[in-house]
């Protein structure tokens, strides 16, 4: 997962990618822990998460999916 600019650095979204298979799984139209938590709850995520380096990604992932293992790529 990572965040990205939707509109010249003013509006941000979150992209979720399956790193084992490479396809984009989903794109969330916002960059918030609440949106990510809602997405990860159904079905619950208990696997591995690779949060991006964007502001708050690690904290959002920990809050959204506490049982998941976070893997750092940086």
N, C-alpha and C. Protein backbone atom coordinates (compact mmCIF):
# COMPACT_ATOMS: atom_id res chain seq x y z
N UNK A 1 0.84 -1.17 0.00
CA UNK A 1 0.00 0.00 0.00
C UNK A 1 0.88 1.23 0.00
N UNK A 2 0.38 2.26 -0.62
CA UNK A 2 1.11 3.52 -0.66
C UNK A 2 0.12 4.63 -0.95
N UNK A 3 0.51 5.84 -0.62
CA UNK A 3 -0.35 6.96 -0.97
C UNK A 3 0.21 7.64 -2.20
N UNK A 4 -0.64 8.38 -2.89
CA UNK A 4 -0.23 9.07 -4.10
C UNK A 4 -1.09 10.31 -4.29
N UNK A 5 -0.57 11.26 -5.05
CA UNK A 5 -1.30 12.50 -5.31
C UNK A 5 -2.31 12.29 -6.43
N UNK A 6 -3.54 12.66 -6.17
CA UNK A 6 -4.59 12.61 -7.18
C UNK A 6 -4.64 13.92 -7.97
N UNK A 7 -4.29 15.02 -7.29
CA UNK A 7 -4.41 16.34 -7.90
C UNK A 7 -3.25 17.23 -7.47
N UNK A 8 -2.18 17.19 -8.20
CA UNK A 8 -1.03 18.08 -8.00
C UNK A 8 -0.65 18.30 -6.54
N UNK A 9 -0.61 17.24 -5.75
CA UNK A 9 -0.19 17.36 -4.36
C UNK A 9 -1.23 17.91 -3.42
N UNK A 10 -2.48 18.07 -3.86
CA UNK A 10 -3.51 18.63 -2.99
C UNK A 10 -4.50 17.58 -2.49
N UNK A 11 -4.74 16.56 -3.26
CA UNK A 11 -5.66 15.48 -2.88
C UNK A 11 -4.92 14.16 -3.01
N UNK A 12 -5.05 13.33 -2.02
CA UNK A 12 -4.29 12.08 -1.99
C UNK A 12 -5.21 10.87 -1.92
N UNK A 13 -4.73 9.76 -2.46
CA UNK A 13 -5.44 8.49 -2.41
C UNK A 13 -4.49 7.43 -1.90
N UNK A 14 -5.00 6.21 -1.75
CA UNK A 14 -4.20 5.08 -1.31
C UNK A 14 -4.34 3.98 -2.35
N UNK A 15 -3.22 3.40 -2.75
CA UNK A 15 -3.25 2.29 -3.70
C UNK A 15 -2.82 1.02 -2.96
N UNK A 16 -3.52 -0.07 -3.23
CA UNK A 16 -3.23 -1.36 -2.61
C UNK A 16 -2.85 -2.33 -3.71
N UNK A 17 -1.68 -2.94 -3.57
CA UNK A 17 -1.13 -3.82 -4.61
C UNK A 17 -0.78 -5.16 -3.98
N UNK A 18 -1.08 -6.24 -4.68
CA UNK A 18 -0.67 -7.58 -4.26
C UNK A 18 0.75 -7.78 -4.77
N UNK A 19 1.75 -7.71 -3.88
CA UNK A 19 3.14 -7.77 -4.34
C UNK A 19 3.55 -9.15 -4.82
N UNK A 20 2.81 -10.18 -4.41
CA UNK A 20 3.14 -11.53 -4.88
C UNK A 20 2.68 -11.73 -6.33
N UNK A 21 1.53 -11.19 -6.67
CA UNK A 21 0.96 -11.38 -8.01
C UNK A 21 1.09 -10.14 -8.90
N UNK A 22 1.41 -8.99 -8.32
CA UNK A 22 1.65 -7.72 -8.99
C UNK A 22 0.45 -6.86 -9.41
N UNK A 23 -0.78 -7.37 -9.40
CA UNK A 23 -1.85 -6.48 -9.85
C UNK A 23 -2.27 -5.48 -8.77
N UNK A 24 -2.85 -4.39 -9.24
CA UNK A 24 -3.46 -3.42 -8.33
C UNK A 24 -4.73 -4.07 -7.79
N UNK A 25 -4.87 -4.11 -6.47
CA UNK A 25 -6.02 -4.73 -5.84
C UNK A 25 -7.16 -3.72 -5.74
N UNK A 26 -6.82 -2.49 -5.33
CA UNK A 26 -7.84 -1.45 -5.19
C UNK A 26 -7.17 -0.09 -5.07
N UNK A 27 -7.95 0.95 -5.34
CA UNK A 27 -7.50 2.32 -5.16
C UNK A 27 -8.55 3.03 -4.31
N UNK A 28 -8.12 3.54 -3.17
CA UNK A 28 -9.02 4.27 -2.29
C UNK A 28 -8.91 5.76 -2.59
N UNK A 29 -10.02 6.47 -2.66
CA UNK A 29 -9.99 7.88 -3.04
C UNK A 29 -9.53 8.84 -1.96
N UNK A 30 -9.03 8.31 -0.85
CA UNK A 30 -8.51 9.16 0.22
C UNK A 30 -7.35 8.49 0.91
N UNK A 31 -6.66 9.26 1.72
CA UNK A 31 -5.48 8.77 2.44
C UNK A 31 -5.76 8.91 3.93
N UNK A 32 -6.59 8.03 4.46
CA UNK A 32 -6.90 8.12 5.89
C UNK A 32 -6.89 6.74 6.51
N UNK A 33 -6.58 6.70 7.80
CA UNK A 33 -6.58 5.43 8.52
C UNK A 33 -7.97 4.83 8.56
N UNK A 34 -8.99 5.67 8.64
CA UNK A 34 -10.37 5.17 8.69
C UNK A 34 -10.75 4.45 7.40
N UNK A 35 -10.41 5.02 6.26
CA UNK A 35 -10.73 4.40 4.97
C UNK A 35 -9.96 3.09 4.82
N UNK A 36 -8.70 3.09 5.20
CA UNK A 36 -7.89 1.88 5.10
C UNK A 36 -8.41 0.81 6.06
N UNK A 37 -8.76 1.20 7.28
CA UNK A 37 -9.28 0.24 8.25
C UNK A 37 -10.57 -0.40 7.74
N UNK A 38 -11.45 0.41 7.17
CA UNK A 38 -12.70 -0.13 6.64
C UNK A 38 -12.43 -1.13 5.52
N UNK A 39 -11.48 -0.83 4.66
CA UNK A 39 -11.15 -1.72 3.56
C UNK A 39 -10.54 -3.02 4.08
N UNK A 40 -9.66 -2.93 5.07
CA UNK A 40 -8.97 -4.11 5.59
C UNK A 40 -9.85 -4.98 6.48
N UNK A 41 -10.95 -4.45 7.00
CA UNK A 41 -11.83 -5.21 7.88
C UNK A 41 -12.68 -6.23 7.13
N UNK A 42 -12.90 -6.04 5.86
CA UNK A 42 -13.84 -6.90 5.12
C UNK A 42 -13.21 -7.47 3.87
N UNK A 43 -12.62 -8.65 3.87
CA UNK A 43 -12.41 -9.51 5.03
C UNK A 43 -11.23 -9.03 5.87
N UNK A 44 -11.14 -9.46 7.11
CA UNK A 44 -10.05 -9.00 7.97
C UNK A 44 -8.68 -9.39 7.42
N UNK A 45 -7.75 -8.48 7.52
CA UNK A 45 -6.38 -8.73 7.05
C UNK A 45 -5.55 -9.22 8.23
N UNK A 46 -4.96 -10.40 8.09
CA UNK A 46 -4.09 -10.90 9.14
C UNK A 46 -2.77 -11.40 8.55
N UNK A 47 -2.49 -11.03 7.32
CA UNK A 47 -1.26 -11.45 6.64
C UNK A 47 -0.17 -10.42 6.77
N UNK A 48 0.56 -10.20 5.70
CA UNK A 48 1.66 -9.25 5.68
C UNK A 48 1.23 -7.97 4.98
N UNK A 49 1.68 -6.83 5.50
CA UNK A 49 1.44 -5.53 4.89
C UNK A 49 2.79 -4.87 4.62
N UNK A 50 2.91 -4.25 3.48
CA UNK A 50 4.11 -3.51 3.13
C UNK A 50 3.70 -2.05 2.96
N UNK A 51 3.68 -1.28 4.07
CA UNK A 51 3.24 0.10 3.97
C UNK A 51 4.26 0.96 3.23
N UNK A 52 3.75 1.95 2.51
CA UNK A 52 4.63 2.88 1.82
C UNK A 52 5.31 3.81 2.78
N UNK A 53 6.12 4.69 2.26
CA UNK A 53 6.87 5.62 3.09
C UNK A 53 6.13 6.93 3.32
N UNK A 54 4.95 7.05 2.78
CA UNK A 54 4.19 8.29 2.90
C UNK A 54 3.80 8.59 4.34
N UNK A 55 3.41 9.81 4.56
CA UNK A 55 3.06 10.29 5.89
C UNK A 55 1.99 9.41 6.54
N UNK A 56 2.34 8.77 7.61
CA UNK A 56 1.36 8.03 8.39
C UNK A 56 1.04 6.63 7.90
N UNK A 57 1.64 6.16 6.83
CA UNK A 57 1.30 4.83 6.31
C UNK A 57 1.54 3.73 7.33
N UNK A 58 2.65 3.77 8.03
CA UNK A 58 2.96 2.73 9.00
C UNK A 58 1.96 2.77 10.15
N UNK A 59 1.67 3.96 10.65
CA UNK A 59 0.71 4.10 11.75
C UNK A 59 -0.69 3.69 11.30
N UNK A 60 -1.08 4.08 10.10
CA UNK A 60 -2.40 3.72 9.58
C UNK A 60 -2.52 2.21 9.44
N UNK A 61 -1.48 1.57 8.93
CA UNK A 61 -1.51 0.12 8.75
C UNK A 61 -1.62 -0.59 10.10
N UNK A 62 -0.89 -0.12 11.09
CA UNK A 62 -0.93 -0.73 12.42
C UNK A 62 -2.31 -0.58 13.04
N UNK A 63 -2.92 0.57 12.86
CA UNK A 63 -4.25 0.81 13.41
C UNK A 63 -5.32 0.03 12.65
N UNK A 64 -5.15 -0.07 11.33
CA UNK A 64 -6.16 -0.70 10.49
C UNK A 64 -6.14 -2.22 10.58
N UNK A 65 -4.96 -2.80 10.73
CA UNK A 65 -4.84 -4.26 10.75
C UNK A 65 -3.82 -4.68 11.80
N UNK A 66 -4.18 -4.58 13.08
CA UNK A 66 -3.23 -4.89 14.15
C UNK A 66 -2.59 -6.27 14.07
N UNK A 67 -3.31 -7.33 13.64
CA UNK A 67 -2.66 -8.64 13.62
C UNK A 67 -1.70 -8.85 12.44
N UNK A 68 -1.74 -7.97 11.46
CA UNK A 68 -0.90 -8.12 10.27
C UNK A 68 0.56 -7.81 10.61
N UNK A 69 1.47 -8.49 9.92
CA UNK A 69 2.89 -8.23 10.06
C UNK A 69 3.31 -7.17 9.05
N UNK A 70 3.94 -6.11 9.52
CA UNK A 70 4.39 -5.06 8.60
C UNK A 70 5.81 -5.37 8.14
N UNK A 71 6.00 -5.25 6.83
CA UNK A 71 7.30 -5.49 6.22
C UNK A 71 7.77 -4.17 5.63
N UNK A 72 9.00 -3.74 5.95
CA UNK A 72 9.53 -2.48 5.44
C UNK A 72 10.32 -2.71 4.17
N UNK A 73 10.13 -1.83 3.19
CA UNK A 73 10.90 -1.91 1.94
C UNK A 73 11.91 -0.79 1.82
N UNK A 74 12.08 0.01 2.86
CA UNK A 74 12.99 1.14 2.80
C UNK A 74 14.07 0.88 3.74
